[in-house]
Protein backbone atom coordinates (compact mmCIF):
# COMPACT_ATOMS: atom_id res chain seq x y z
CA MET A 1 3.29 18.14 -24.83
CA ASN A 2 2.68 17.54 -28.49
CA GLN A 3 0.71 20.65 -29.35
CA GLN A 4 -0.79 19.13 -32.46
CA GLN A 5 -2.54 16.61 -30.25
CA GLU A 6 -3.65 19.03 -27.54
CA THR A 7 -7.36 18.91 -26.77
CA TRP A 8 -9.08 22.24 -26.22
CA PRO A 9 -12.26 22.87 -24.21
CA SER A 10 -15.35 21.57 -26.04
CA LEU A 11 -17.07 24.87 -25.20
CA TRP A 12 -14.91 26.59 -27.81
CA GLN A 13 -16.41 24.58 -30.66
CA GLU A 14 -19.90 25.46 -29.47
CA ILE A 15 -18.97 29.16 -29.30
CA ALA A 16 -17.52 29.12 -32.83
CA ASN A 17 -20.60 27.42 -34.27
CA LEU A 18 -22.97 29.71 -32.36
CA ILE A 19 -21.38 32.98 -33.46
CA ALA A 20 -21.12 31.81 -37.08
CA GLU A 21 -24.84 31.08 -37.01
CA LEU A 22 -25.82 34.33 -35.27
CA ALA A 23 -23.66 36.48 -37.54
CA ASP A 24 -24.61 34.48 -40.64
CA VAL A 25 -20.98 34.11 -41.67
CA PRO A 26 -19.23 31.07 -43.16
CA VAL A 27 -16.21 31.31 -40.86
CA ALA A 28 -15.59 31.64 -37.12
CA LEU A 29 -12.11 30.81 -35.88
CA ILE A 30 -10.09 30.59 -32.70
CA MET A 31 -6.45 31.15 -33.58
CA ARG A 32 -3.42 30.44 -31.42
CA LYS A 33 -0.27 32.54 -31.63
CA LYS A 34 2.88 30.46 -32.02
CA ASP A 35 6.47 31.68 -32.29
CA ASN A 36 6.25 32.88 -35.89
CA SER A 37 2.75 32.02 -37.04
CA MET A 38 -0.94 31.87 -36.26
CA GLU A 39 -2.57 28.42 -36.10
CA VAL A 40 -6.23 27.45 -36.48
CA ILE A 41 -7.18 25.44 -33.39
CA VAL A 42 -10.99 25.74 -33.59
CA ARG A 43 -13.13 26.34 -36.71
CA SER A 44 -16.90 26.59 -37.08
CA ASN A 45 -18.14 23.41 -38.70
CA ASN A 46 -21.86 24.12 -39.13
CA THR A 47 -21.42 25.24 -42.74
CA GLU A 48 -19.82 23.47 -45.67
CA ASP A 49 -18.08 26.51 -47.14
CA ASN A 50 -15.48 27.13 -44.42
CA PRO A 51 -12.13 27.01 -46.28
CA TYR A 52 -10.02 26.94 -43.10
CA HIS A 53 -8.85 23.67 -41.53
CA LEU A 54 -7.60 22.70 -38.11
CA GLY A 55 -3.84 23.01 -37.98
CA ASP A 56 -3.65 25.56 -40.81
CA GLU A 57 -0.88 28.06 -40.13
CA GLU A 58 -0.07 31.45 -41.58
CA ALA A 59 3.24 33.24 -40.97
CA LEU A 60 3.03 36.39 -38.83
CA CYS A 61 3.21 39.50 -41.02
CA HIS A 62 1.70 42.97 -41.23
CA ASP A 63 -0.72 41.82 -43.92
CA LEU A 64 -2.36 39.37 -41.52
CA TYR A 65 -5.54 40.49 -39.72
CA CYS A 66 -4.78 38.47 -36.61
CA HIS A 67 -1.24 39.79 -36.42
CA HIS A 68 -2.63 43.33 -36.15
CA VAL A 69 -5.01 42.23 -33.35
CA ILE A 70 -2.12 40.63 -31.45
CA GLN A 71 0.20 43.62 -31.95
CA THR A 72 -2.32 46.28 -30.95
CA ASP A 73 -4.01 44.08 -28.35
CA SER A 74 -7.34 45.48 -29.49
CA PRO A 75 -10.29 44.49 -31.70
CA LEU A 76 -10.07 44.92 -35.47
CA LEU A 77 -13.05 45.51 -37.78
CA ILE A 78 -12.54 45.31 -41.58
CA GLN A 79 -15.78 45.94 -43.48
CA ASN A 80 -14.28 45.38 -46.93
CA ALA A 81 -10.57 44.69 -47.36
CA LEU A 82 -10.85 45.27 -51.11
CA LYS A 83 -11.49 48.96 -50.47
CA LEU A 84 -8.45 49.42 -48.22
CA ASP A 85 -4.92 49.47 -49.67
CA LYS A 86 -3.48 48.40 -46.32
CA TRP A 87 -5.20 45.02 -46.52
CA LYS A 88 -5.06 44.31 -50.26
CA ASN A 89 -2.37 41.65 -49.74
CA THR A 90 -3.92 39.88 -46.77
CA PRO A 91 -3.81 36.08 -47.26
CA ASP A 92 -7.50 35.77 -46.37
CA ILE A 93 -8.51 37.57 -49.60
CA LYS A 94 -7.12 34.62 -51.53
CA LEU A 95 -9.77 32.53 -49.78
CA GLY A 96 -12.43 35.07 -50.67
CA MET A 97 -12.70 36.57 -47.17
CA ILE A 98 -13.01 40.37 -47.46
CA SER A 99 -14.66 41.28 -44.13
CA TYR A 100 -13.23 40.52 -40.72
CA TYR A 101 -13.90 41.15 -37.07
CA GLY A 102 -11.46 39.81 -34.47
CA LEU A 103 -10.59 40.27 -30.82
CA PRO A 104 -7.53 39.29 -28.77
CA ILE A 105 -7.56 36.34 -26.35
CA HIS A 106 -5.32 36.48 -23.28
CA LEU A 107 -3.72 33.84 -21.10
CA PRO A 108 -4.42 33.94 -17.33
CA ASP A 109 -1.16 35.90 -16.81
CA GLY A 110 -2.24 38.55 -19.32
CA GLU A 111 0.05 37.39 -22.12
CA SER A 112 -1.34 37.01 -25.64
CA PHE A 113 -2.81 33.62 -26.50
CA GLY A 114 -4.41 34.31 -29.88
CA THR A 115 -7.57 35.66 -31.45
CA PHE A 116 -11.29 34.98 -31.84
CA CYS A 117 -12.55 36.14 -35.22
CA ILE A 118 -15.25 35.86 -37.85
CA LEU A 119 -14.86 36.35 -41.62
CA ASP A 120 -17.22 36.72 -44.58
CA ARG A 121 -17.05 36.83 -48.36
CA LYS A 122 -19.11 39.98 -48.54
CA GLU A 123 -18.88 43.45 -47.05
CA ARG A 124 -20.16 43.46 -43.48
CA HIS A 125 -20.64 45.90 -40.64
CA PHE A 126 -21.02 44.55 -37.11
CA ASP A 127 -22.83 46.93 -34.78
CA GLU A 128 -21.91 47.81 -31.22
CA LYS A 129 -24.36 45.31 -29.72
CA PHE A 130 -22.82 42.45 -31.73
CA GLN A 131 -19.30 43.58 -30.79
CA ARG A 132 -20.28 43.45 -27.11
CA LEU A 133 -21.53 39.91 -27.66
CA MET A 134 -18.20 38.95 -29.23
CA GLN A 135 -16.37 40.42 -26.22
CA LEU A 136 -18.53 38.41 -23.83
CA LEU A 137 -17.72 35.26 -25.76
CA VAL A 138 -14.00 36.12 -25.59
CA ASN A 139 -14.39 36.51 -21.81
CA SER A 140 -15.91 33.02 -21.72
CA ILE A 141 -13.07 31.63 -23.84
CA GLU A 142 -10.50 33.24 -21.52
CA SER A 143 -12.24 31.80 -18.43
CA SER A 144 -12.24 28.29 -19.86
CA LEU A 145 -8.63 28.81 -20.99
CA ALA A 146 -7.70 29.58 -17.37
CA ILE A 147 -9.39 26.37 -16.22
CA HIS A 148 -7.76 24.46 -19.07
CA SER A 149 -4.32 25.80 -18.12
CA GLU A 150 -4.85 24.94 -14.46
CA ASN A 151 -5.99 21.41 -15.36
CA ASN A 152 -2.88 20.94 -17.49
CA LYS A 153 -0.77 22.14 -14.59
CA LEU A 154 -2.49 19.77 -12.15
CA SER A 155 -2.15 16.89 -14.62
CA LYS A 156 1.59 17.50 -14.88
CA GLU A 157 1.87 17.71 -11.11
CA LEU A 158 -0.01 14.44 -10.70
CA GLN A 159 2.20 12.79 -13.29
CA GLN A 160 5.24 14.16 -11.50
CA HIS A 161 3.89 12.81 -8.21
CA GLU A 162 3.16 9.44 -9.77
CA HIS A 163 6.49 8.93 -11.50
CA TYR A 164 8.92 10.97 -9.39
CA ASN A 165 9.81 10.71 -5.72
CA ALA A 166 9.27 13.99 -3.86
CA LEU A 167 12.19 13.52 -1.45
CA THR A 168 14.88 12.85 -4.06
CA ASN A 169 13.21 14.00 -7.32
CA LEU A 170 14.32 10.70 -8.83
CA PRO A 171 12.12 8.82 -11.30
CA THR A 172 10.39 5.84 -9.73
CA GLN A 173 10.36 2.21 -10.72
CA SER A 174 7.00 2.68 -12.48
CA LEU A 175 8.60 5.06 -14.97
CA GLY A 176 11.35 2.53 -15.65
CA GLN A 177 8.77 -0.15 -16.34
CA LEU A 178 6.96 2.15 -18.77
CA LYS A 179 10.18 3.08 -20.56
CA TYR A 180 11.43 -0.47 -21.08
CA SER A 181 8.11 -2.26 -21.60
CA HIS A 182 8.22 -2.03 -25.42
CA LYS A 183 11.93 -2.10 -26.21
CA ASP A 184 13.06 -4.98 -28.42
CA ALA A 185 16.41 -6.78 -28.67
CA LEU A 186 17.66 -4.97 -25.58
CA ASN A 187 20.73 -5.94 -23.58
CA LEU A 188 19.98 -4.82 -20.07
CA SER A 189 21.49 -5.00 -16.61
CA ILE A 190 19.97 -3.84 -13.35
CA LEU A 191 21.89 -3.13 -10.18
CA PHE A 192 19.66 -3.19 -7.11
CA ILE A 193 21.27 -1.20 -4.27
CA ARG A 194 20.00 -1.44 -0.70
CA ASN A 195 21.12 0.37 2.44
CA ILE A 196 21.03 -2.70 4.68
CA GLN A 197 21.11 -0.69 7.92
CA ALA A 198 18.48 1.88 6.90
CA PHE A 199 16.14 1.10 9.79
CA ASP A 200 18.91 1.13 12.39
CA ILE A 201 20.13 4.47 11.02
CA ARG A 202 16.59 5.88 11.09
CA ASP A 203 16.03 4.72 14.67
CA ASN A 204 19.26 6.38 15.78
CA LEU A 205 19.12 9.59 13.75
CA GLY A 206 15.39 10.14 13.71
CA LEU A 207 13.13 10.28 10.68
CA VAL A 208 14.04 13.79 9.47
CA ASP A 209 17.81 13.25 9.56
CA ALA A 210 17.38 9.80 8.07
CA GLN A 211 15.55 11.39 5.14
CA ARG A 212 18.31 13.96 4.74
CA LEU A 213 20.83 11.12 4.75
CA ALA A 214 18.77 9.39 2.05
CA GLN A 215 18.97 12.55 -0.06
CA GLU A 216 22.74 12.62 0.39
CA PHE A 217 22.88 8.90 -0.41
CA TYR A 218 21.16 9.46 -3.75
CA SER A 219 23.14 12.61 -4.51
CA GLN A 220 26.40 10.69 -4.15
CA VAL A 221 25.14 7.94 -6.45
CA LYS A 222 24.17 10.55 -9.08
CA LEU A 223 27.70 11.96 -8.99
CA CYS A 224 29.23 8.51 -9.22
CA VAL A 225 27.45 6.93 -12.17
CA PRO A 226 28.49 7.68 -15.76
CA ASN A 227 26.23 9.19 -18.39
CA GLY A 228 23.75 6.76 -19.90
CA VAL A 229 23.15 4.86 -16.66
CA GLU A 230 19.68 5.58 -15.31
CA ILE A 231 18.75 5.84 -11.63
CA TYR A 232 15.28 4.89 -10.33
CA TYR A 233 13.93 5.33 -6.83
CA ILE A 234 12.52 2.29 -5.01
CA SER A 235 12.40 3.48 -1.39
CA ASN A 236 14.38 5.68 1.01
CA SER A 237 16.80 2.80 1.39
CA GLU A 238 16.73 1.25 -2.08
CA LEU A 239 17.37 2.31 -5.65
CA ILE A 240 18.22 0.68 -8.95
CA LEU A 241 20.66 1.53 -11.71
CA VAL A 242 19.71 0.49 -15.23
CA HIS A 243 22.34 0.07 -17.90
CA SER A 244 21.37 -0.81 -21.46
CA THR A 245 23.57 -1.31 -24.50
CA SER A 246 23.37 -2.56 -28.05
CA SER A 247 26.51 -4.62 -27.52
CA PRO A 248 25.98 -7.81 -25.49
CA ASP A 249 29.74 -8.44 -25.34
CA THR A 250 30.44 -5.37 -23.20
CA LEU A 251 27.41 -5.47 -20.89
CA ALA A 252 28.87 -7.65 -18.13
CA GLY A 253 32.17 -5.80 -17.99
CA GLU A 254 30.57 -2.36 -17.94
CA THR A 255 28.14 -3.46 -15.22
CA GLU A 256 30.91 -4.85 -13.01
CA THR A 257 32.87 -1.60 -13.43
CA LEU A 258 29.77 0.27 -12.31
CA ALA A 259 29.42 -1.99 -9.26
CA CYS A 260 33.07 -1.33 -8.36
CA LEU A 261 32.43 2.43 -8.48
CA LEU A 262 29.53 2.00 -6.07
CA ARG A 263 31.48 -0.20 -3.68
CA GLU A 264 34.28 2.37 -3.64
CA LEU A 265 31.80 5.18 -3.05
CA PHE A 266 30.24 3.58 0.00
CA SER A 267 33.49 2.28 1.44
CA SER A 268 33.81 5.79 2.97
CA PRO A 269 31.26 7.27 5.39
CA LEU A 270 28.80 9.93 4.27
CA GLU A 271 28.82 13.27 6.08
CA LEU A 272 25.74 14.80 7.67
CA ASP A 273 26.05 17.91 9.86
CA GLY A 274 29.66 17.09 10.61
CA LYS A 275 28.85 13.48 11.48
CA LYS A 276 30.42 10.64 9.53
CA ILE A 277 27.84 7.94 8.95
CA THR A 278 28.73 4.58 7.48
CA VAL A 279 26.18 3.33 4.97
CA PRO A 280 26.72 -0.37 4.30
CA VAL A 281 25.08 -1.46 1.06
CA SER A 282 24.21 -4.68 -0.67
CA ILE A 283 24.20 -4.73 -4.47
CA GLY A 284 22.34 -7.32 -6.50
CA CYS A 285 22.76 -7.67 -10.24
CA ALA A 286 20.84 -9.36 -13.03
CA PHE A 287 21.13 -9.41 -16.80
CA SER A 288 18.86 -9.80 -19.79
CA TYR A 289 20.33 -10.37 -23.26
CA ASN A 290 18.39 -9.70 -26.47
CA ASN A 291 15.22 -8.92 -24.51
CA GLU A 292 15.23 -12.41 -22.96
CA HIS A 293 13.42 -11.15 -19.84
CA ARG A 294 10.96 -8.35 -19.22
CA PHE A 295 12.12 -5.36 -17.16
CA GLU A 296 10.09 -6.56 -14.16
CA GLU A 297 11.70 -9.99 -14.34
CA VAL A 298 15.22 -8.57 -14.41
CA LEU A 299 14.33 -6.33 -11.49
CA ASP A 300 12.96 -9.31 -9.55
CA MET A 301 16.16 -11.25 -10.18
CA ALA A 302 18.32 -8.32 -9.13
CA THR A 303 16.24 -7.91 -5.97
CA VAL A 304 16.65 -11.58 -5.11
CA ALA A 305 20.38 -11.30 -5.81
CA CYS A 306 20.60 -8.32 -3.44
CA THR A 307 18.85 -10.22 -0.65
CA GLN A 308 20.95 -13.30 -1.25
CA GLY A 309 24.09 -11.18 -1.18
CA SER A 310 23.23 -9.43 2.09
CA GLN A 311 22.38 -12.77 3.71
CA SER A 312 25.75 -14.19 2.68
CA GLY A 313 27.68 -11.06 3.64
CA LYS A 314 28.59 -10.14 0.05
CA THR A 315 28.48 -6.53 -1.09
CA PHE A 316 27.98 -7.49 -4.73
CA HIS A 317 26.01 -10.53 -5.80
CA ILE A 318 25.00 -11.61 -9.32
CA PHE A 319 21.84 -13.57 -9.85
CA ASN A 320 22.90 -17.13 -10.57
CA PRO A 321 21.40 -20.59 -11.23
CA GLU A 322 20.82 -21.10 -7.51
CA GLN A 323 18.08 -18.53 -7.67
CA GLN A 324 16.65 -20.50 -10.57
CA LYS A 325 15.53 -23.15 -8.09
CA LEU A 326 12.77 -20.92 -6.92
CA ARG A 327 11.87 -20.14 -10.50
CA GLN A 328 11.82 -23.86 -11.18
CA HIS A 329 9.45 -24.37 -8.26
CA HIS A 330 7.19 -21.69 -9.68
CA TYR A 331 7.23 -23.51 -13.00
CA GLU A 332 6.19 -26.73 -11.25
CA VAL A 333 3.33 -24.88 -9.58
CA THR A 334 2.07 -23.53 -12.90
CA GLN A 335 2.14 -27.03 -14.37
CA GLN A 336 -0.27 -28.19 -11.67
CA PHE A 337 -3.04 -25.75 -12.54
CA PRO A 338 -4.83 -27.93 -15.13
CA ASN A 339 -4.96 -30.94 -12.77
CA ALA A 340 -6.05 -28.71 -9.91
CA PHE A 341 -9.26 -27.84 -11.75
CA VAL A 342 -9.88 -31.41 -12.85
CA ASN A 343 -9.29 -32.79 -9.34
CA SER A 344 -11.22 -30.01 -7.56
CA GLU A 345 -8.20 -29.02 -5.46
CA PHE A 346 -9.27 -25.41 -5.00
CA TYR A 347 -11.65 -24.47 -2.21
CA LEU A 348 -12.90 -21.32 -0.52
CA ASN A 349 -12.55 -20.14 3.04
CA PHE A 350 -14.50 -17.22 4.44
CA GLN A 351 -13.43 -14.58 6.94
CA PRO A 352 -16.06 -12.47 8.71
CA ILE A 353 -16.24 -8.69 8.27
CA ILE A 354 -17.45 -6.95 11.43
CA SER A 355 -19.15 -3.61 11.95
CA ALA A 356 -17.05 -1.50 14.31
CA GLU A 357 -20.20 0.26 15.51
CA THR A 358 -22.42 -2.76 16.30
CA ASN A 359 -19.83 -5.57 16.65
CA LYS A 360 -22.09 -7.62 14.36
CA ILE A 361 -21.11 -9.39 11.17
CA VAL A 362 -21.97 -7.50 8.00
CA GLY A 363 -20.35 -9.78 5.47
CA CYS A 364 -17.37 -11.95 4.66
CA GLU A 365 -14.46 -12.17 2.30
CA ALA A 366 -14.06 -15.23 0.07
CA LEU A 367 -10.45 -16.45 0.12
CA VAL A 368 -9.24 -19.13 -2.28
CA ARG A 369 -7.04 -21.97 -1.02
CA TRP A 370 -5.19 -24.76 -2.84
CA ASN A 371 -4.20 -28.17 -1.52
CA ASN A 372 -2.27 -29.84 -4.34
CA ALA A 373 -1.84 -33.60 -4.52
CA GLN A 374 1.89 -33.31 -5.30
CA LEU A 375 2.99 -30.03 -3.72
CA GLY A 376 0.73 -29.91 -0.68
CA MET A 377 -0.61 -26.56 0.43
CA VAL A 378 0.25 -23.83 -2.05
CA TYR A 379 -0.45 -20.38 -0.64
CA PRO A 380 -2.27 -17.55 -2.46
CA ASP A 381 0.69 -15.17 -2.29
CA GLU A 382 2.49 -17.66 -4.52
CA PHE A 383 -0.13 -19.18 -6.80
CA ILE A 384 -2.25 -16.07 -7.56
CA PRO A 385 0.63 -14.18 -9.29
CA LEU A 386 1.64 -17.39 -11.06
CA ALA A 387 -1.93 -17.93 -12.26
CA GLU A 388 -1.85 -14.42 -13.70
CA LYS A 389 1.43 -15.09 -15.50
CA CYS A 390 0.57 -18.49 -16.94
CA GLY A 391 -2.96 -17.66 -18.08
CA ALA A 392 -4.86 -19.71 -15.49
CA MET A 393 -6.34 -16.72 -13.69
CA ALA A 394 -9.38 -16.36 -15.94
CA GLN A 395 -10.50 -19.92 -15.19
CA LEU A 396 -9.64 -19.60 -11.51
CA GLY A 397 -11.47 -16.29 -11.25
CA ASP A 398 -14.59 -17.78 -12.87
CA TRP A 399 -14.45 -20.68 -10.43
CA ILE A 400 -14.11 -18.39 -7.40
CA LEU A 401 -17.08 -16.29 -8.53
CA ASP A 402 -19.19 -19.41 -9.14
CA GLN A 403 -18.29 -21.03 -5.84
CA ALA A 404 -18.76 -17.87 -3.77
CA LEU A 405 -22.22 -17.19 -5.20
CA SER A 406 -23.17 -20.84 -4.84
CA ASP A 407 -22.24 -20.78 -1.15
CA LEU A 408 -24.04 -17.48 -0.63
CA LYS A 409 -27.20 -18.93 -2.23
CA ARG A 410 -26.99 -22.02 0.01
CA TRP A 411 -26.63 -19.90 3.14
CA ALA A 412 -30.09 -18.38 2.58
CA ILE A 413 -29.39 -14.91 3.97
CA ASP A 414 -32.96 -13.63 3.48
CA HIS A 415 -33.12 -12.71 7.15
CA ASN A 416 -30.11 -10.40 6.67
CA PRO A 417 -30.60 -8.63 3.32
CA ASP A 418 -27.61 -6.30 3.89
CA PHE A 419 -25.12 -9.15 4.25
CA TYR A 420 -22.51 -9.11 1.49
CA ILE A 421 -19.77 -11.37 0.23
CA SER A 422 -16.50 -9.80 -0.89
CA ILE A 423 -14.79 -11.41 -3.89
CA ASN A 424 -11.32 -10.55 -5.17
CA ILE A 425 -11.19 -9.84 -8.90
CA SER A 426 -7.93 -9.98 -10.85
CA SER A 427 -6.68 -7.71 -13.60
CA THR A 428 -7.10 -10.63 -16.01
CA GLN A 429 -10.82 -10.78 -15.30
CA PHE A 430 -11.28 -7.03 -15.66
CA ASN A 431 -9.52 -7.19 -19.02
CA GLN A 432 -12.16 -9.59 -20.38
CA ASP A 433 -14.60 -7.83 -22.68
CA ASP A 434 -17.53 -9.85 -21.33
CA PHE A 435 -16.65 -9.69 -17.63
CA THR A 436 -19.68 -7.61 -16.64
CA ASP A 437 -21.95 -9.90 -18.65
CA LYS A 438 -20.46 -12.89 -16.83
CA VAL A 439 -21.19 -11.34 -13.46
CA LYS A 440 -24.78 -10.49 -14.47
CA ALA A 441 -25.32 -14.04 -15.72
CA LYS A 442 -23.99 -15.50 -12.45
CA LEU A 443 -26.28 -13.26 -10.38
CA GLN A 444 -29.26 -14.42 -12.42
CA GLN A 445 -28.16 -18.05 -12.25
CA TYR A 446 -27.93 -18.05 -8.45
CA GLN A 447 -30.71 -15.49 -7.88
CA ILE A 448 -28.35 -13.23 -5.91
CA SER A 449 -29.07 -9.53 -5.42
CA PRO A 450 -26.28 -7.20 -6.66
CA ASN A 451 -26.48 -5.48 -3.26
CA ASN A 452 -25.05 -8.61 -1.66
CA ILE A 453 -21.88 -8.49 -3.75
CA LEU A 454 -18.65 -6.55 -3.20
CA LEU A 455 -15.91 -6.92 -5.81
CA GLU A 456 -12.39 -6.16 -4.62
CA MET A 457 -9.58 -5.05 -6.89
CA THR A 458 -6.04 -3.87 -6.31
CA GLU A 459 -4.37 -0.83 -7.84
CA THR A 460 -2.34 -3.23 -9.97
CA ALA A 461 -5.60 -4.30 -11.62
CA LEU A 462 -6.42 -0.65 -12.31
CA LEU A 463 -3.10 -0.02 -14.00
CA HIS A 464 -3.77 -2.59 -16.71
CA ASN A 465 -6.07 -1.25 -19.41
CA GLN A 466 -7.66 1.48 -17.29
CA LYS A 467 -10.29 2.33 -19.91
CA GLN A 468 -11.60 -1.23 -19.93
CA VAL A 469 -11.53 -1.48 -16.14
CA MET A 470 -13.35 1.84 -15.82
CA LYS A 471 -16.07 0.62 -18.20
CA HIS A 472 -16.65 -2.55 -16.18
CA CYS A 473 -16.61 -0.71 -12.85
CA GLN A 474 -19.19 1.80 -14.02
CA GLU A 475 -21.47 -0.91 -15.41
CA LEU A 476 -21.15 -3.04 -12.27
CA SER A 477 -21.79 -0.03 -10.05
CA GLN A 478 -24.92 0.82 -12.02
CA LEU A 479 -26.16 -2.71 -11.34
CA GLY A 480 -25.84 -2.05 -7.60
CA ILE A 481 -22.64 -4.03 -7.04
CA LYS A 482 -20.21 -2.37 -4.64
CA ILE A 483 -16.58 -1.88 -5.63
CA ALA A 484 -13.67 -1.94 -3.16
CA LEU A 485 -10.04 -0.87 -3.58
CA ASP A 486 -7.87 -3.40 -1.75
CA ASP A 487 -4.47 -2.84 -0.09
CA PHE A 488 -5.15 0.89 0.03
CA GLY A 489 -2.13 3.00 0.94
CA THR A 490 0.49 0.82 -0.74
CA GLY A 491 0.08 2.11 -4.31
CA PHE A 492 1.47 5.28 -5.87
CA SER A 493 -1.71 6.72 -7.33
CA SER A 494 -4.52 5.79 -4.94
CA LEU A 495 -6.02 9.29 -4.78
CA SER A 496 -6.47 9.58 -8.53
CA HIS A 497 -8.15 6.16 -8.56
CA LEU A 498 -10.60 7.21 -5.84
CA HIS A 499 -11.42 10.25 -7.96
CA ASP A 500 -11.76 8.46 -11.30
CA PHE A 501 -13.36 5.11 -10.40
CA PRO A 502 -16.75 4.42 -8.74
CA ILE A 503 -15.21 3.12 -5.51
CA ASP A 504 -17.51 2.43 -2.53
CA ILE A 505 -15.08 0.90 -0.04
CA VAL A 506 -11.35 1.12 0.63
CA LYS A 507 -9.53 -1.60 2.54
CA ILE A 508 -6.56 -0.42 4.57
CA ASP A 509 -3.59 -2.65 3.91
CA LYS A 510 -2.94 -4.96 6.86
CA SER A 511 0.72 -3.88 7.05
CA PHE A 512 -0.48 -0.56 8.52
CA ILE A 513 -2.90 -2.29 10.90
CA PHE A 514 -0.24 -4.69 12.22
CA SER A 515 1.85 -1.73 13.39
CA LEU A 516 -1.03 0.60 14.24
CA ASN A 517 -0.30 0.64 17.99
CA THR A 518 3.48 0.57 17.69
CA SER A 519 4.23 2.95 14.83
CA LYS A 520 3.28 6.63 14.88
CA LYS A 521 3.64 6.72 11.09
CA SER A 522 1.21 3.82 10.66
CA GLU A 523 -1.25 5.47 13.05
CA GLN A 524 -1.10 8.74 11.14
CA LEU A 525 -1.52 6.93 7.82
CA VAL A 526 -4.55 5.05 9.12
CA LYS A 527 -6.04 8.28 10.51
CA GLY A 528 -5.46 9.96 7.16
CA ILE A 529 -7.12 7.15 5.21
CA LEU A 530 -10.12 7.16 7.56
CA SER A 531 -10.47 10.94 7.27
CA LEU A 532 -10.21 10.71 3.49
CA GLY A 533 -12.90 8.03 3.49
CA LYS A 534 -15.25 10.25 5.49
CA MET A 535 -14.65 13.22 3.18
CA LEU A 536 -15.31 11.14 0.07
CA ASP A 537 -18.28 9.30 1.62
CA LEU A 538 -16.48 5.95 1.39
CA LYS A 539 -16.67 3.07 3.83
CA VAL A 540 -13.35 1.86 5.22
CA VAL A 541 -12.39 -1.72 6.15
CA ALA A 542 -9.32 -2.46 8.27
CA GLU A 543 -7.73 -5.81 7.48
CA GLY A 544 -5.38 -7.74 9.76
CA VAL A 545 -6.96 -6.93 13.14
CA GLU A 546 -5.43 -9.43 15.53
CA SER A 547 -5.80 -7.94 19.02
CA LEU A 548 -8.29 -6.20 21.27
CA ASP A 549 -6.02 -3.15 21.55
CA VAL A 550 -5.96 -2.64 17.79
CA CYS A 551 -9.70 -3.25 17.59
CA GLN A 552 -10.41 -0.61 20.25
CA ASN A 553 -8.04 1.84 18.61
CA LEU A 554 -9.80 1.45 15.26
CA LYS A 555 -13.17 1.96 16.93
CA SER A 556 -11.95 5.17 18.54
CA LEU A 557 -10.79 6.32 15.10
CA ARG A 558 -14.31 5.58 13.75
CA CYS A 559 -13.32 2.88 11.32
CA ASP A 560 -16.42 1.39 9.66
CA PHE A 561 -15.57 -2.31 9.36
CA MET A 562 -12.85 -4.70 10.53
CA GLN A 563 -11.67 -8.20 9.80
CA GLY A 564 -8.86 -10.35 11.08
CA TYR A 565 -7.77 -13.16 13.37
CA TYR A 566 -9.13 -11.30 16.41
CA TRP A 567 -12.56 -12.64 15.40
CA ASP A 568 -11.68 -15.68 13.35
CA ARG A 569 -9.32 -17.23 10.90
CA PRO A 570 -10.80 -17.97 7.49
CA LEU A 571 -13.31 -20.82 7.83
CA SER A 572 -14.68 -23.42 5.48
CA SER A 573 -18.10 -22.74 3.98
CA GLU A 574 -19.78 -25.17 6.35
CA ASP A 575 -18.04 -23.84 9.47
CA PHE A 576 -18.72 -20.26 8.50
CA GLU A 577 -22.40 -21.04 7.95
CA SER A 578 -22.82 -22.76 11.30
CA THR A 579 -20.79 -20.13 13.18
CA TYR A 580 -22.10 -16.91 11.65
CA ILE A 581 -25.12 -17.53 9.45
CA ASN A 582 -27.27 -19.89 11.48
CA ARG A 583 -26.57 -18.61 14.98
CA ASN A 584 -29.46 -16.94 16.78
CA ASP A 585 -28.39 -13.56 18.17
């Protein structure tokens, strides 16, 4: 941590100002002991004649009041330094400070942290009652210091958890993205390495031994790669190697040499408890010269190359123009966005959300669909990310919000005031300064109560400009609009988001629901998410419910709401209205 930028408890400033006022002195300081000096970290600022400044340092020496307090670990009272030969050379006299009273401050482990002191330009005597007050304030400083230290520790642990994998202690992909997001003129190659039989190995060895094999897998890679090549964890069966250089001429050759080392490494079985286990791998490679592609793009290309290689039986596969066909298709899709709005090609479908307790509908999710005149049906998994990339998401998001509220108004849900419509909001929309104002204007335009609106966002949306997103979420929540975190369980920092953001609902990712009755791990994850929801007073929605067995299981686990094909596929506005809004039951 950069100590110059460290933020100390705000209570300390209040204490310094209070004691300076009570003692009627110009100076109250909290000093921190460094290796060879004392540093001012808090100064009273309620008078104009305090000559000390934050960050001021004085070398440790016997002429320094605070040095004596630290050395003796006891209070020091100097009524008038000018009358004492021992203190005639103290640096504080040069600033006109001749009286001093200071006490030591200790870290939670008992080690010295620094001092709390007051100084004056005139001779002073501080009686026993005042000295006891100073000691009480030191006790308060030490208590807040303990909390501050613990918070710093927890923050580091959370950062470690977010950016490092616990099983292998390797940095994760997110850290790689952060590191390379602002590097210019970079020549970069990424090798994406996948254990293509990871699931078969896990099913035969069991989860625990499979994890131990993964640790050995990564350990061998660490020993194999040369200095300067970085390793990032993707999953227990996947990792990436990142090689960057200032010389574009050597990048391809150095990368191929690295791939050869990996192929040689995994040509021999790994040993685990005396067993020799063959670990077949597929390696995909992609390049970026002079910062031509962003880190994420190179990683995507390397991932595609890895998949293409494993499908063709190749151990090592370089991303080539064949993969560009898909990129070309994506380009064609992005070119259709302007016409799609003009020709009204987008439309909404609605999927019911059911109460697990009453089996009655409580709301619906608005899902955008696109039937393009040239390309036919383009599915959301494809066009939503492309809309984000090409800048069409703001317009599309505005249209979805308009259309959803328009349909909700037409449905006339007065007889069911608790009914809500769930609308997915993109990171692009949350990054708009006026997003909350837009939502408020739409609610007024369509005369919709905020209680009938649920806005869904993914963790990806949270990761972009968190301060802005937090501001919008708090303002929307204050209006009465509910906020949901979608695809819960798939991100790497969900718990911190539940703590920091005003979340009302979490939606369990459908990948866990699909395998709820067939995977013990999925069942335990779902149970954990439901328990967490209860503890945090959050409602939980399970997406992807497609069978009675899964539905009954979720009910037994006390899930709040469910949605999925078991009740209905997404319906047009008219069909949804006739099926769920206008029926008499």
